Amino acid sequence: EVIPLAQEREAWGRLLGAEGDASRTLRATLEAQYERESSLRAVLEKWEQQEMYERRQLSTVQEEEWRILNREVHFGREVIMQQFGLRLRQETEARHAFEKRFLMKDEVRDR
């Protein structure tokens, strides 16, 4: 059976039109997918930047806490040493006073 030329042209036109529609649909789908991926990449990059910022902030806070802790330990040591020195002086002075009184009693007794 021979297909008339007009019908053949019409069939080719429909086929090419359908291919064109499919190509445009595919291109639009690919562009939308690319835009979604770009958007997701931008969000991911923003999250990574935020995470790096938070890590730097945490590191800064940890360093400051460490400095404060070391300062408090050093200050605590100083206070303990000052208190020990004061107690040692007080005990030494009390001992000297006792020895002086004891010696005075000996002198009084020996007279």
Protein backbone atom coordinates (compact mmCIF):
# COMPACT_ATOMS: atom_id res chain seq x y z
CA GLU A 1 0.00 0.00 0.00
CA VAL A 2 1.31 3.38 -0.95
CA ILE A 3 0.81 6.21 1.51
CA PRO A 4 -0.14 9.51 -0.09
CA LEU A 5 2.51 12.21 0.12
CA ALA A 6 0.34 14.56 2.20
CA GLN A 7 -0.25 11.88 4.83
CA GLU A 8 3.47 11.07 4.93
CA ARG A 9 4.34 14.72 5.41
CA GLU A 10 1.72 15.01 8.13
CA ALA A 11 3.08 11.90 9.90
CA TRP A 12 6.64 13.23 9.71
CA GLY A 13 5.43 16.60 11.02
CA ARG A 14 3.70 14.94 13.99
CA LEU A 15 6.78 12.81 14.68
CA LEU A 16 9.16 15.78 14.51
CA GLY A 17 6.74 17.87 16.61
CA ALA A 18 6.58 15.12 19.24
CA GLU A 19 10.39 14.87 19.23
CA GLY A 20 10.62 18.64 19.64
CA ASP A 21 8.15 18.57 22.52
CA ALA A 22 10.04 15.72 24.17
CA SER A 23 13.34 17.57 23.69
CA ARG A 24 11.92 20.79 25.20
CA THR A 25 10.40 18.83 28.11
CA LEU A 26 13.72 17.07 28.71
CA ARG A 27 15.64 20.37 28.54
CA ALA A 28 13.21 22.01 31.01
CA THR A 29 13.48 19.02 33.34
CA LEU A 30 17.29 19.10 33.19
CA GLU A 31 17.35 22.86 33.82
CA ALA A 32 15.01 22.49 36.81
CA GLN A 33 17.17 19.66 38.16
CA TYR A 34 20.31 21.80 37.70
CA GLU A 35 18.66 24.71 39.53
CA ARG A 36 17.60 22.39 42.40
CA GLU A 37 21.13 20.97 42.62
CA SER A 38 22.62 24.47 42.57
CA SER A 39 20.22 25.55 45.30
CA LEU A 40 21.07 22.48 47.39
CA ARG A 41 24.79 23.12 46.85
CA ALA A 42 24.35 26.72 48.01
CA VAL A 43 22.45 25.59 51.12
CA LEU A 44 25.09 22.95 51.86
CA GLU A 45 27.87 25.50 51.42
CA LYS A 46 26.06 27.90 53.75
CA TRP A 47 25.66 25.13 56.37
CA GLU A 48 29.35 24.24 56.06
CA GLN A 49 30.32 27.89 56.52
CA GLN A 50 28.04 28.10 59.56
CA GLU A 51 29.55 24.90 60.98
CA MET A 52 33.09 26.26 60.48
CA TYR A 53 32.07 29.53 62.18
CA GLU A 54 30.55 27.63 65.11
CA ARG A 55 33.67 25.46 65.40
CA ARG A 56 35.87 28.57 65.49
CA GLN A 57 33.60 30.12 68.12
CA LEU A 58 33.68 26.91 70.19
CA SER A 59 37.46 26.75 69.90
CA THR A 60 37.75 30.39 71.03
CA VAL A 61 35.44 29.74 73.99
CA GLN A 62 37.37 26.58 74.95
CA GLU A 63 40.68 28.47 74.78
CA GLU A 64 39.26 31.24 76.98
CA GLU A 65 37.86 28.71 79.48
CA TRP A 66 41.28 27.02 79.58
CA ARG A 67 43.00 30.38 80.25
CA ILE A 68 40.48 31.18 83.00
CA LEU A 69 40.94 27.74 84.56
CA ASN A 70 44.73 28.08 84.52
CA ARG A 71 44.48 31.57 86.00
CA GLU A 72 42.13 30.31 88.74
CA VAL A 73 44.43 27.37 89.51
CA HIS A 74 47.43 29.71 89.66
CA PHE A 75 45.48 32.18 91.82
CA GLY A 76 44.30 29.29 94.01
CA ARG A 77 47.90 28.16 94.48
CA GLU A 78 48.91 31.71 95.40
CA VAL A 79 46.10 31.96 97.96
CA ILE A 80 47.06 28.61 99.48
CA MET A 81 50.72 29.67 99.68
CA GLN A 82 49.74 33.02 101.24
CA GLN A 83 47.53 31.28 103.79
CA PHE A 84 50.29 28.76 104.54
CA GLY A 85 52.83 31.58 104.95
CA LEU A 86 50.48 33.50 107.26
CA ARG A 87 49.81 30.41 109.37
CA LEU A 88 53.52 29.61 109.50
CA ARG A 89 54.31 33.19 110.65
CA GLN A 90 51.54 33.06 113.25
CA GLU A 91 52.78 29.71 114.57
CA THR A 92 56.38 30.92 114.56
CA GLU A 93 55.43 34.11 116.40
CA ALA A 94 53.37 32.12 118.91
CA ARG A 95 56.30 29.74 119.45
CA HIS A 96 58.72 32.63 119.90
CA ALA A 97 56.33 34.26 122.36
CA PHE A 98 56.03 30.97 124.27
CA GLU A 99 59.80 30.46 124.29
CA LYS A 100 60.32 34.05 125.46
CA ARG A 101 57.81 33.55 128.30
CA PHE A 102 59.40 30.20 129.16
CA LEU A 103 62.88 31.76 129.23
CA MET A 104 61.60 34.67 131.33
CA LYS A 105 60.18 32.17 133.83
CA ASP A 106 63.58 30.46 133.93
CA GLU A 107 65.29 33.82 134.54
CA VAL A 108 62.83 34.70 137.28
CA ARG A 109 63.32 31.27 138.89
CA ASP A 110 67.09 31.48 138.63
CA ARG A 111 67.25 34.87 140.38
